[in-house]
N, C-alpha and C. Protein backbone atom coordinates (compact mmCIF):
# COMPACT_ATOMS: atom_id res chain seq x y z
N UNK A 1 -3.55 0.01 -20.57
CA UNK A 1 -4.54 -0.16 -19.51
C UNK A 1 -4.83 -1.63 -19.20
N UNK A 2 -4.89 -2.51 -20.21
CA UNK A 2 -5.15 -3.92 -19.88
C UNK A 2 -4.11 -4.53 -18.95
N UNK A 3 -2.84 -4.12 -19.10
CA UNK A 3 -1.78 -4.66 -18.24
C UNK A 3 -1.99 -4.24 -16.79
N UNK A 4 -2.33 -2.97 -16.59
CA UNK A 4 -2.57 -2.47 -15.24
C UNK A 4 -3.77 -3.18 -14.61
N UNK A 5 -4.83 -3.32 -15.37
CA UNK A 5 -6.04 -3.97 -14.83
C UNK A 5 -5.76 -5.44 -14.52
N UNK A 6 -5.03 -6.12 -15.40
CA UNK A 6 -4.68 -7.52 -15.15
C UNK A 6 -3.84 -7.65 -13.89
N UNK A 7 -2.89 -6.74 -13.70
CA UNK A 7 -2.06 -6.76 -12.50
C UNK A 7 -2.87 -6.54 -11.24
N UNK A 8 -3.80 -5.59 -11.29
CA UNK A 8 -4.65 -5.32 -10.13
C UNK A 8 -5.52 -6.52 -9.79
N UNK A 9 -6.07 -7.16 -10.82
CA UNK A 9 -6.92 -8.34 -10.59
C UNK A 9 -6.10 -9.47 -9.96
N UNK A 10 -4.90 -9.73 -10.50
CA UNK A 10 -4.05 -10.78 -9.94
C UNK A 10 -3.66 -10.47 -8.50
N UNK A 11 -3.16 -9.26 -8.27
CA UNK A 11 -2.64 -8.89 -6.95
C UNK A 11 -3.74 -8.92 -5.90
N UNK A 12 -4.86 -8.29 -6.20
CA UNK A 12 -5.93 -8.24 -5.20
C UNK A 12 -6.74 -9.52 -5.15
N UNK A 13 -6.74 -10.27 -6.26
CA UNK A 13 -7.39 -11.57 -6.23
C UNK A 13 -6.73 -12.49 -5.23
N UNK A 14 -5.40 -12.56 -5.27
CA UNK A 14 -4.69 -13.44 -4.34
C UNK A 14 -4.75 -12.90 -2.91
N UNK A 15 -4.79 -11.56 -2.76
CA UNK A 15 -4.88 -10.98 -1.42
C UNK A 15 -6.29 -11.05 -0.84
N UNK A 16 -7.25 -11.43 -1.65
CA UNK A 16 -8.62 -11.61 -1.16
C UNK A 16 -8.81 -13.00 -0.56
N UNK A 17 -7.98 -13.96 -0.95
CA UNK A 17 -8.10 -15.34 -0.46
C UNK A 17 -8.10 -15.41 1.07
N UNK A 18 -7.16 -14.72 1.78
CA UNK A 18 -7.17 -14.81 3.25
C UNK A 18 -8.44 -14.26 3.91
N UNK A 19 -9.21 -13.47 3.16
CA UNK A 19 -10.46 -12.94 3.72
C UNK A 19 -11.51 -14.03 3.90
N UNK A 20 -11.28 -15.17 3.27
CA UNK A 20 -12.22 -16.29 3.34
C UNK A 20 -11.48 -17.50 3.90
N UNK A 21 -11.40 -17.60 5.23
CA UNK A 21 -10.57 -18.63 5.88
C UNK A 21 -10.88 -20.06 5.44
N UNK A 22 -12.14 -20.38 5.21
CA UNK A 22 -12.49 -21.76 4.83
C UNK A 22 -11.87 -22.11 3.48
N UNK A 23 -11.96 -21.20 2.52
CA UNK A 23 -11.38 -21.45 1.20
C UNK A 23 -9.86 -21.50 1.28
N UNK A 24 -9.29 -20.63 2.13
CA UNK A 24 -7.83 -20.63 2.30
C UNK A 24 -7.37 -21.97 2.88
N UNK A 25 -8.08 -22.46 3.87
CA UNK A 25 -7.72 -23.73 4.48
C UNK A 25 -7.81 -24.89 3.49
N UNK A 26 -8.81 -24.84 2.61
CA UNK A 26 -8.92 -25.89 1.58
C UNK A 26 -7.72 -25.85 0.64
N UNK A 27 -7.28 -24.64 0.29
CA UNK A 27 -6.09 -24.52 -0.57
C UNK A 27 -4.86 -25.05 0.15
N UNK A 28 -4.72 -24.72 1.43
CA UNK A 28 -3.56 -25.18 2.21
C UNK A 28 -3.58 -26.71 2.30
N UNK A 29 -4.75 -27.29 2.51
CA UNK A 29 -4.85 -28.75 2.56
C UNK A 29 -4.46 -29.39 1.23
N UNK A 30 -4.80 -28.72 0.14
CA UNK A 30 -4.55 -29.28 -1.19
C UNK A 30 -3.08 -29.17 -1.58
N UNK A 31 -2.46 -28.00 -1.33
CA UNK A 31 -1.09 -27.79 -1.82
C UNK A 31 -0.07 -27.63 -0.69
N UNK A 32 -0.52 -27.66 0.56
CA UNK A 32 0.39 -27.52 1.69
C UNK A 32 0.65 -26.06 2.03
N UNK A 33 1.09 -25.81 3.25
CA UNK A 33 1.30 -24.42 3.67
C UNK A 33 2.46 -23.77 2.92
N UNK A 34 3.51 -24.56 2.65
CA UNK A 34 4.65 -24.01 1.90
C UNK A 34 4.22 -23.73 0.46
N UNK A 35 3.50 -24.67 -0.13
CA UNK A 35 3.01 -24.47 -1.49
C UNK A 35 2.10 -23.26 -1.59
N UNK A 36 1.23 -23.09 -0.58
CA UNK A 36 0.34 -21.93 -0.56
C UNK A 36 1.14 -20.64 -0.47
N UNK A 37 2.14 -20.62 0.43
CA UNK A 37 2.97 -19.42 0.59
C UNK A 37 3.72 -19.09 -0.69
N UNK A 38 4.26 -20.11 -1.36
CA UNK A 38 4.99 -19.89 -2.61
C UNK A 38 4.04 -19.37 -3.69
N UNK A 39 2.88 -20.02 -3.83
CA UNK A 39 1.91 -19.58 -4.84
C UNK A 39 1.45 -18.15 -4.56
N UNK A 40 1.18 -17.85 -3.29
CA UNK A 40 0.74 -16.51 -2.90
C UNK A 40 1.80 -15.48 -3.29
N UNK A 41 3.06 -15.79 -2.95
CA UNK A 41 4.15 -14.87 -3.25
C UNK A 41 4.38 -14.68 -4.74
N UNK A 42 4.33 -15.78 -5.51
CA UNK A 42 4.57 -15.69 -6.96
C UNK A 42 3.47 -14.90 -7.65
N UNK A 43 2.22 -15.21 -7.31
CA UNK A 43 1.10 -14.49 -7.94
C UNK A 43 1.13 -13.01 -7.55
N UNK A 44 1.45 -12.73 -6.29
CA UNK A 44 1.56 -11.34 -5.84
C UNK A 44 2.65 -10.60 -6.61
N UNK A 45 3.80 -11.25 -6.77
CA UNK A 45 4.91 -10.62 -7.48
C UNK A 45 4.56 -10.36 -8.95
N UNK A 46 3.95 -11.34 -9.60
CA UNK A 46 3.53 -11.15 -10.99
C UNK A 46 2.54 -9.99 -11.08
N UNK A 47 1.60 -9.96 -10.14
CA UNK A 47 0.63 -8.87 -10.11
C UNK A 47 1.30 -7.52 -9.95
N UNK A 48 2.27 -7.44 -9.03
CA UNK A 48 2.98 -6.17 -8.81
C UNK A 48 3.77 -5.74 -10.04
N UNK A 49 4.41 -6.69 -10.71
CA UNK A 49 5.17 -6.36 -11.93
C UNK A 49 4.23 -5.83 -13.00
N UNK A 50 3.09 -6.50 -13.17
CA UNK A 50 2.11 -6.03 -14.17
C UNK A 50 1.56 -4.65 -13.79
N UNK A 51 1.31 -4.44 -12.50
CA UNK A 51 0.82 -3.13 -12.05
C UNK A 51 1.85 -2.05 -12.37
N UNK A 52 3.11 -2.30 -12.04
CA UNK A 52 4.16 -1.31 -12.29
C UNK A 52 4.32 -1.02 -13.77
N UNK A 53 4.36 -2.08 -14.59
CA UNK A 53 4.52 -1.88 -16.04
C UNK A 53 3.30 -1.20 -16.64
N UNK A 54 2.12 -1.67 -16.22
CA UNK A 54 0.89 -1.10 -16.75
C UNK A 54 0.71 0.35 -16.37
N UNK A 55 1.00 0.68 -15.11
CA UNK A 55 0.85 2.05 -14.65
C UNK A 55 1.83 2.98 -15.37
N UNK A 56 3.10 2.55 -15.45
CA UNK A 56 4.10 3.42 -16.07
C UNK A 56 3.82 3.63 -17.55
N UNK A 57 3.38 2.58 -18.25
CA UNK A 57 3.09 2.76 -19.69
C UNK A 57 1.83 3.59 -19.90
N UNK A 58 0.83 3.41 -19.04
CA UNK A 58 -0.39 4.20 -19.17
C UNK A 58 -0.14 5.65 -18.80
N UNK A 59 0.62 5.87 -17.72
CA UNK A 59 0.90 7.24 -17.28
C UNK A 59 1.71 8.02 -18.31
N UNK A 60 2.57 7.30 -19.06
CA UNK A 60 3.41 7.98 -20.05
C UNK A 60 2.75 8.09 -21.42
N UNK A 61 1.64 7.39 -21.63
CA UNK A 61 1.02 7.34 -22.95
C UNK A 61 -0.06 8.38 -23.16
N UNK A 62 -0.63 8.35 -24.37
CA UNK A 62 -1.67 9.31 -24.73
C UNK A 62 -3.04 8.86 -24.23
N UNK A 63 -3.17 7.60 -23.85
CA UNK A 63 -4.45 7.09 -23.38
C UNK A 63 -4.69 7.30 -21.91
N UNK A 64 -4.08 8.33 -21.33
CA UNK A 64 -4.22 8.61 -19.91
C UNK A 64 -4.74 10.02 -19.71
N UNK A 65 -6.05 10.21 -19.87
CA UNK A 65 -6.59 11.57 -19.78
C UNK A 65 -6.48 12.14 -18.37
N UNK A 66 -6.30 13.45 -18.30
CA UNK A 66 -6.31 14.16 -17.03
C UNK A 66 -7.77 14.42 -16.67
N UNK A 67 -8.25 13.77 -15.63
CA UNK A 67 -9.66 13.88 -15.25
C UNK A 67 -9.94 15.15 -14.47
N UNK A 68 -8.96 15.60 -13.69
CA UNK A 68 -9.04 16.89 -13.02
C UNK A 68 -7.63 17.36 -12.73
N UNK A 69 -7.49 18.66 -12.48
CA UNK A 69 -6.17 19.23 -12.17
C UNK A 69 -6.15 19.53 -10.67
N UNK A 70 -5.39 18.74 -9.92
CA UNK A 70 -5.36 18.97 -8.47
C UNK A 70 -4.73 20.32 -8.13
N UNK A 71 -5.37 21.09 -7.25
CA UNK A 71 -4.75 22.36 -6.83
C UNK A 71 -3.48 22.09 -6.02
N UNK A 72 -2.64 23.09 -5.94
CA UNK A 72 -1.34 22.93 -5.27
C UNK A 72 -1.50 22.49 -3.83
N UNK A 73 -2.53 22.98 -3.14
CA UNK A 73 -2.68 22.65 -1.71
C UNK A 73 -2.89 21.15 -1.48
N UNK A 74 -3.42 20.44 -2.48
CA UNK A 74 -3.59 18.99 -2.28
C UNK A 74 -2.25 18.27 -2.24
N UNK A 75 -1.24 18.82 -2.92
CA UNK A 75 0.10 18.23 -2.86
C UNK A 75 0.69 18.38 -1.46
N UNK A 76 0.40 19.50 -0.81
CA UNK A 76 0.88 19.70 0.56
C UNK A 76 0.20 18.71 1.52
N UNK A 77 -1.10 18.50 1.32
CA UNK A 77 -1.81 17.53 2.16
C UNK A 77 -1.24 16.13 1.92
N UNK A 78 -0.96 15.82 0.64
CA UNK A 78 -0.39 14.50 0.32
C UNK A 78 0.94 14.30 1.04
N UNK A 79 1.79 15.32 1.05
CA UNK A 79 3.08 15.22 1.74
C UNK A 79 2.88 15.01 3.24
N UNK A 80 1.90 15.68 3.82
CA UNK A 80 1.63 15.51 5.25
C UNK A 80 1.11 14.10 5.55
N UNK A 81 0.23 13.59 4.70
CA UNK A 81 -0.34 12.26 4.93
C UNK A 81 0.70 11.15 4.85
N UNK A 82 1.73 11.37 4.04
CA UNK A 82 2.72 10.31 3.84
C UNK A 82 3.60 10.07 5.06
N UNK A 83 3.75 11.06 5.93
CA UNK A 83 4.56 10.83 7.14
C UNK A 83 3.90 9.80 8.07
N UNK A 84 2.62 9.98 8.46
CA UNK A 84 2.02 8.92 9.28
C UNK A 84 1.88 7.60 8.53
N UNK A 85 1.77 7.65 7.21
CA UNK A 85 1.70 6.40 6.44
C UNK A 85 2.99 5.61 6.60
N UNK A 86 4.13 6.27 6.53
CA UNK A 86 5.42 5.59 6.68
C UNK A 86 5.61 5.07 8.10
N UNK A 87 5.17 5.85 9.08
CA UNK A 87 5.26 5.39 10.47
C UNK A 87 4.38 4.15 10.66
N UNK A 88 3.20 4.16 10.05
CA UNK A 88 2.29 3.01 10.16
C UNK A 88 2.88 1.77 9.51
N UNK A 89 3.59 1.93 8.39
CA UNK A 89 4.23 0.78 7.73
C UNK A 89 5.21 0.10 8.69
N UNK A 90 6.04 0.89 9.33
CA UNK A 90 7.02 0.33 10.27
C UNK A 90 6.29 -0.27 11.48
N UNK A 91 5.26 0.43 11.96
CA UNK A 91 4.53 -0.05 13.15
C UNK A 91 3.86 -1.40 12.91
N UNK A 92 3.60 -1.74 11.65
CA UNK A 92 2.98 -3.04 11.35
C UNK A 92 3.89 -4.19 11.75
N UNK A 93 5.21 -3.93 11.84
CA UNK A 93 6.17 -4.99 12.11
C UNK A 93 6.95 -4.79 13.40
N UNK A 94 6.58 -3.77 14.18
CA UNK A 94 7.27 -3.49 15.43
C UNK A 94 6.23 -3.46 16.57
N UNK A 95 6.37 -4.36 17.54
CA UNK A 95 5.44 -4.30 18.68
C UNK A 95 5.55 -2.94 19.36
N UNK A 96 4.44 -2.22 19.44
CA UNK A 96 4.46 -0.87 20.01
C UNK A 96 3.05 -0.44 20.35
N UNK A 97 2.96 0.65 21.10
CA UNK A 97 1.65 1.20 21.40
C UNK A 97 1.04 1.83 20.15
N UNK A 98 1.90 2.33 19.26
CA UNK A 98 1.41 2.87 17.98
C UNK A 98 0.65 1.78 17.24
N UNK A 99 1.23 0.59 17.18
CA UNK A 99 0.57 -0.53 16.51
C UNK A 99 -0.74 -0.88 17.20
N UNK A 100 -0.74 -0.90 18.54
CA UNK A 100 -1.95 -1.24 19.28
C UNK A 100 -3.07 -0.24 19.01
N UNK A 101 -2.72 1.05 18.93
CA UNK A 101 -3.72 2.08 18.68
C UNK A 101 -4.30 1.95 17.27
N UNK A 102 -3.42 1.72 16.29
CA UNK A 102 -3.86 1.64 14.89
C UNK A 102 -4.54 0.30 14.58
N UNK A 103 -4.27 -0.73 15.39
CA UNK A 103 -4.82 -2.07 15.26
C UNK A 103 -4.32 -2.80 14.02
N UNK A 104 -4.47 -2.22 12.86
CA UNK A 104 -3.96 -2.82 11.62
C UNK A 104 -3.20 -1.74 10.85
N UNK A 105 -1.98 -1.43 11.31
CA UNK A 105 -1.26 -0.29 10.75
C UNK A 105 -0.93 -0.40 9.27
N UNK A 106 -0.74 -1.63 8.75
CA UNK A 106 -0.44 -1.73 7.32
C UNK A 106 -1.64 -1.25 6.49
N UNK A 107 -2.85 -1.59 6.92
CA UNK A 107 -4.04 -1.12 6.21
C UNK A 107 -4.21 0.39 6.36
N UNK A 108 -3.87 0.91 7.53
CA UNK A 108 -3.89 2.37 7.72
C UNK A 108 -2.90 3.02 6.76
N UNK A 109 -1.71 2.44 6.66
CA UNK A 109 -0.68 2.98 5.76
C UNK A 109 -1.15 2.97 4.31
N UNK A 110 -1.74 1.87 3.88
CA UNK A 110 -2.22 1.76 2.49
C UNK A 110 -3.30 2.80 2.22
N UNK A 111 -4.22 2.98 3.17
CA UNK A 111 -5.29 3.97 2.98
C UNK A 111 -4.73 5.39 2.90
N UNK A 112 -3.79 5.72 3.78
CA UNK A 112 -3.20 7.05 3.75
C UNK A 112 -2.39 7.27 2.47
N UNK A 113 -1.60 6.26 2.08
CA UNK A 113 -0.79 6.34 0.86
C UNK A 113 -1.68 6.53 -0.37
N UNK A 114 -2.73 5.73 -0.47
CA UNK A 114 -3.61 5.81 -1.62
C UNK A 114 -4.35 7.15 -1.67
N UNK A 115 -4.86 7.58 -0.52
CA UNK A 115 -5.57 8.86 -0.46
C UNK A 115 -4.64 10.01 -0.82
N UNK A 116 -3.42 9.99 -0.29
CA UNK A 116 -2.45 11.05 -0.60
C UNK A 116 -2.20 11.14 -2.10
N UNK A 117 -2.02 9.99 -2.74
CA UNK A 117 -1.71 10.00 -4.17
C UNK A 117 -2.94 10.31 -5.02
N UNK A 118 -4.12 10.00 -4.54
CA UNK A 118 -5.33 10.41 -5.25
C UNK A 118 -5.49 11.93 -5.19
N UNK A 119 -5.15 12.52 -4.05
CA UNK A 119 -5.25 13.97 -3.91
C UNK A 119 -4.26 14.70 -4.81
N UNK A 120 -3.08 14.11 -4.99
CA UNK A 120 -2.01 14.80 -5.72
C UNK A 120 -2.03 14.53 -7.22
N UNK A 121 -2.83 13.56 -7.68
CA UNK A 121 -2.83 13.19 -9.10
C UNK A 121 -4.27 13.14 -9.61
N UNK A 122 -4.48 13.68 -10.80
CA UNK A 122 -5.83 13.69 -11.34
C UNK A 122 -5.99 12.93 -12.64
N UNK A 123 -5.05 12.05 -12.96
CA UNK A 123 -5.11 11.31 -14.22
C UNK A 123 -5.79 9.95 -14.03
N UNK A 124 -6.20 9.36 -15.15
CA UNK A 124 -6.92 8.09 -15.13
C UNK A 124 -6.08 6.96 -14.52
N UNK A 125 -4.80 6.88 -14.90
CA UNK A 125 -3.93 5.82 -14.38
C UNK A 125 -3.86 5.87 -12.87
N UNK A 126 -3.72 7.07 -12.30
CA UNK A 126 -3.64 7.23 -10.85
C UNK A 126 -4.96 6.87 -10.18
N UNK A 127 -6.08 7.26 -10.82
CA UNK A 127 -7.39 6.92 -10.26
C UNK A 127 -7.56 5.41 -10.20
N UNK A 128 -7.17 4.70 -11.26
CA UNK A 128 -7.28 3.24 -11.27
C UNK A 128 -6.38 2.61 -10.21
N UNK A 129 -5.13 3.03 -10.18
CA UNK A 129 -4.17 2.41 -9.25
C UNK A 129 -4.49 2.72 -7.79
N UNK A 130 -4.50 3.99 -7.46
CA UNK A 130 -4.64 4.36 -6.05
C UNK A 130 -6.07 4.17 -5.56
N UNK A 131 -7.05 4.38 -6.46
CA UNK A 131 -8.44 4.15 -6.08
C UNK A 131 -8.69 2.69 -5.74
N UNK A 132 -8.09 1.77 -6.51
CA UNK A 132 -8.25 0.34 -6.25
C UNK A 132 -7.60 -0.04 -4.92
N UNK A 133 -6.40 0.48 -4.66
CA UNK A 133 -5.74 0.19 -3.40
C UNK A 133 -6.55 0.71 -2.21
N UNK A 134 -7.10 1.91 -2.34
CA UNK A 134 -7.90 2.49 -1.26
C UNK A 134 -9.15 1.66 -1.01
N UNK A 135 -9.86 1.30 -2.08
CA UNK A 135 -11.08 0.51 -1.93
C UNK A 135 -10.78 -0.85 -1.31
N UNK A 136 -9.69 -1.49 -1.76
CA UNK A 136 -9.33 -2.80 -1.20
C UNK A 136 -8.98 -2.70 0.28
N UNK A 137 -8.23 -1.66 0.66
CA UNK A 137 -7.83 -1.50 2.07
C UNK A 137 -9.05 -1.30 2.96
N UNK A 138 -10.03 -0.54 2.50
CA UNK A 138 -11.27 -0.35 3.27
C UNK A 138 -12.00 -1.69 3.40
N UNK A 139 -12.11 -2.41 2.29
CA UNK A 139 -12.78 -3.71 2.29
C UNK A 139 -12.06 -4.70 3.20
N UNK A 140 -10.74 -4.72 3.14
CA UNK A 140 -9.97 -5.65 3.96
C UNK A 140 -10.08 -5.28 5.44
N UNK A 141 -10.15 -4.00 5.76
CA UNK A 141 -10.29 -3.59 7.17
C UNK A 141 -11.61 -4.10 7.74
N UNK A 142 -12.66 -4.05 6.94
CA UNK A 142 -13.95 -4.60 7.37
C UNK A 142 -13.81 -6.10 7.56
N UNK A 143 -13.08 -6.74 6.65
CA UNK A 143 -12.90 -8.19 6.72
C UNK A 143 -12.11 -8.62 7.95
N UNK A 144 -11.01 -7.93 8.27
CA UNK A 144 -10.20 -8.35 9.43
C UNK A 144 -10.96 -8.14 10.73
N UNK A 145 -11.82 -7.13 10.77
CA UNK A 145 -12.65 -6.94 11.97
C UNK A 145 -13.64 -8.09 12.11
N UNK A 146 -14.24 -8.49 11.00
CA UNK A 146 -15.20 -9.60 11.03
C UNK A 146 -14.52 -10.91 11.43
N UNK A 147 -13.28 -11.12 10.92
CA UNK A 147 -12.55 -12.37 11.19
C UNK A 147 -11.76 -12.32 12.49
N UNK A 148 -11.69 -11.13 13.11
CA UNK A 148 -10.87 -10.92 14.31
C UNK A 148 -9.42 -11.29 14.03
N UNK A 149 -8.93 -10.96 12.82
CA UNK A 149 -7.53 -11.23 12.45
C UNK A 149 -6.62 -10.25 13.19
N UNK A 150 -5.46 -10.75 13.63
CA UNK A 150 -4.57 -9.95 14.46
C UNK A 150 -3.41 -9.31 13.71
N UNK A 151 -3.16 -9.70 12.48
CA UNK A 151 -2.02 -9.14 11.76
C UNK A 151 -0.76 -9.95 11.97
N UNK A 152 0.35 -9.53 11.35
CA UNK A 152 1.56 -10.35 11.35
C UNK A 152 2.21 -10.56 12.71
N UNK A 153 1.98 -9.68 13.66
CA UNK A 153 2.62 -9.82 14.98
C UNK A 153 1.72 -10.48 16.01
N UNK A 154 0.52 -10.87 15.61
CA UNK A 154 -0.38 -11.52 16.56
C UNK A 154 -0.73 -10.61 17.72
N UNK A 155 -0.58 -11.12 18.94
CA UNK A 155 -0.92 -10.35 20.13
C UNK A 155 0.30 -9.70 20.78
N UNK A 156 1.42 -9.64 20.08
CA UNK A 156 2.63 -9.05 20.64
C UNK A 156 2.38 -7.60 21.06
N UNK A 157 2.86 -7.27 22.26
CA UNK A 157 2.68 -5.92 22.81
C UNK A 157 4.03 -5.21 22.85
N UNK A 158 3.99 -3.90 22.86
CA UNK A 158 5.21 -3.12 22.94
C UNK A 158 4.99 -1.86 23.74
N UNK A 159 6.09 -1.18 24.06
CA UNK A 159 6.02 0.04 24.85
C UNK A 159 6.74 1.19 24.19
N UNK A 160 7.38 1.99 25.02
CA UNK A 160 8.02 3.22 24.56
C UNK A 160 9.11 2.94 23.53
N UNK A 161 9.93 1.91 23.72
CA UNK A 161 11.01 1.60 22.78
C UNK A 161 10.42 1.29 21.40
N UNK A 162 9.37 0.49 21.37
CA UNK A 162 8.73 0.18 20.10
C UNK A 162 8.15 1.41 19.43
N UNK A 163 7.57 2.32 20.25
CA UNK A 163 7.04 3.57 19.70
C UNK A 163 8.15 4.40 19.06
N UNK A 164 9.28 4.50 19.76
CA UNK A 164 10.41 5.29 19.25
C UNK A 164 10.97 4.68 17.96
N UNK A 165 11.02 3.35 17.92
CA UNK A 165 11.50 2.69 16.71
C UNK A 165 10.55 2.95 15.54
N UNK A 166 9.25 2.78 15.78
CA UNK A 166 8.26 2.98 14.71
C UNK A 166 8.29 4.41 14.20
N UNK A 167 8.30 5.38 15.13
CA UNK A 167 8.28 6.79 14.73
C UNK A 167 9.61 7.18 14.08
N UNK A 168 10.73 6.76 14.68
CA UNK A 168 12.04 7.13 14.13
C UNK A 168 12.29 6.50 12.77
N UNK A 169 12.07 5.19 12.66
CA UNK A 169 12.31 4.51 11.38
C UNK A 169 11.32 4.98 10.33
N UNK A 170 10.06 5.21 10.73
CA UNK A 170 9.07 5.70 9.77
C UNK A 170 9.42 7.09 9.25
N UNK A 171 9.92 7.94 10.14
CA UNK A 171 10.33 9.30 9.72
C UNK A 171 11.54 9.23 8.80
N UNK A 172 12.49 8.34 9.12
CA UNK A 172 13.67 8.17 8.26
C UNK A 172 13.26 7.65 6.88
N UNK A 173 12.32 6.71 6.84
CA UNK A 173 11.83 6.18 5.57
C UNK A 173 11.14 7.28 4.77
N UNK A 174 10.36 8.11 5.46
CA UNK A 174 9.69 9.24 4.81
C UNK A 174 10.71 10.18 4.17
N UNK A 175 11.75 10.52 4.93
CA UNK A 175 12.79 11.42 4.42
C UNK A 175 13.52 10.79 3.23
N UNK A 176 13.77 9.49 3.30
CA UNK A 176 14.46 8.81 2.20
C UNK A 176 13.62 8.87 0.92
N UNK A 177 12.32 8.65 1.04
CA UNK A 177 11.45 8.73 -0.13
C UNK A 177 11.35 10.17 -0.63
N UNK A 178 11.25 11.10 0.28
CA UNK A 178 11.08 12.50 -0.08
C UNK A 178 12.28 13.03 -0.86
N UNK A 179 13.48 12.69 -0.39
CA UNK A 179 14.68 13.29 -0.97
C UNK A 179 15.45 12.39 -1.94
N UNK A 180 15.04 11.13 -2.08
CA UNK A 180 15.81 10.27 -2.98
C UNK A 180 14.98 9.14 -3.61
N UNK A 181 14.40 8.27 -2.76
CA UNK A 181 13.83 7.02 -3.27
C UNK A 181 12.68 7.19 -4.23
N UNK A 182 11.80 8.17 -3.98
CA UNK A 182 10.63 8.34 -4.85
C UNK A 182 11.06 8.67 -6.27
N UNK A 183 12.01 9.58 -6.41
CA UNK A 183 12.50 9.92 -7.75
C UNK A 183 13.28 8.76 -8.36
N UNK A 184 14.08 8.07 -7.56
CA UNK A 184 14.89 6.96 -8.06
C UNK A 184 14.01 5.81 -8.54
N UNK A 185 12.97 5.50 -7.76
CA UNK A 185 12.10 4.38 -8.11
C UNK A 185 11.06 4.73 -9.17
N UNK A 186 10.50 5.94 -9.10
CA UNK A 186 9.35 6.28 -9.94
C UNK A 186 9.58 7.44 -10.90
N UNK A 187 10.74 8.09 -10.79
CA UNK A 187 11.06 9.18 -11.71
C UNK A 187 10.30 10.47 -11.44
N UNK A 188 9.78 10.62 -10.21
CA UNK A 188 9.01 11.82 -9.85
C UNK A 188 9.51 12.34 -8.50
N UNK A 189 9.81 13.63 -8.45
CA UNK A 189 10.20 14.25 -7.18
C UNK A 189 8.95 14.66 -6.42
N UNK A 190 8.74 14.20 -5.19
CA UNK A 190 7.58 14.64 -4.41
C UNK A 190 7.59 16.14 -4.14
N UNK A 191 8.80 16.71 -3.96
CA UNK A 191 8.93 18.15 -3.81
C UNK A 191 9.39 18.74 -5.13
N UNK A 192 8.52 19.50 -5.82
CA UNK A 192 8.90 20.04 -7.13
C UNK A 192 10.19 20.84 -7.11
N UNK A 193 10.51 21.49 -5.97
CA UNK A 193 11.74 22.30 -5.89
C UNK A 193 12.97 21.44 -6.09
N UNK A 194 12.91 20.15 -5.75
CA UNK A 194 14.07 19.28 -5.89
C UNK A 194 14.33 18.90 -7.35
N UNK A 195 13.31 19.04 -8.19
CA UNK A 195 13.46 18.65 -9.60
C UNK A 195 14.29 19.64 -10.38
N UNK A 196 14.38 20.88 -9.88
CA UNK A 196 15.12 21.90 -10.63
C UNK A 196 16.58 21.96 -10.22
């Protein structure tokens, strides 16, 4: 558990810096924009590695109590939520009307992903991991509204082609995770029928 918590603190600590533009600008002035980007990336990566190691060891160990047993129907809801989450991930980087409607599609994707996994898992490790991501995404959404932050594409606009790319690529990504990537990366089949 300490490894998971340390990873979450590192990852979200560094991702909280942009929420405070004055402090971020002071860091950029001190170490330069390239130095800031490198430091941000390195700390984020270390945080992600610690999160992955901490979560996997906690989930596999005896110190991970089952807090509740999710009913089967929550797994179906989780599968449904993950499709728009994947579309939102792609829309974050593709100028489209989907992106314009969602405003901050990456945060929408994180909230849907975290909620889906909270619904499908009732253990302590999952509550810590996905609950923290969900809380941070809600907090960051409030922050970007206050700061009027535009996201990675700025004011770029898109139309039907961008919508088709976001929906098509997001659906393909969803299918890839459903039938291959989720088990390959995390050792868990989202569809129990595929495990047999």
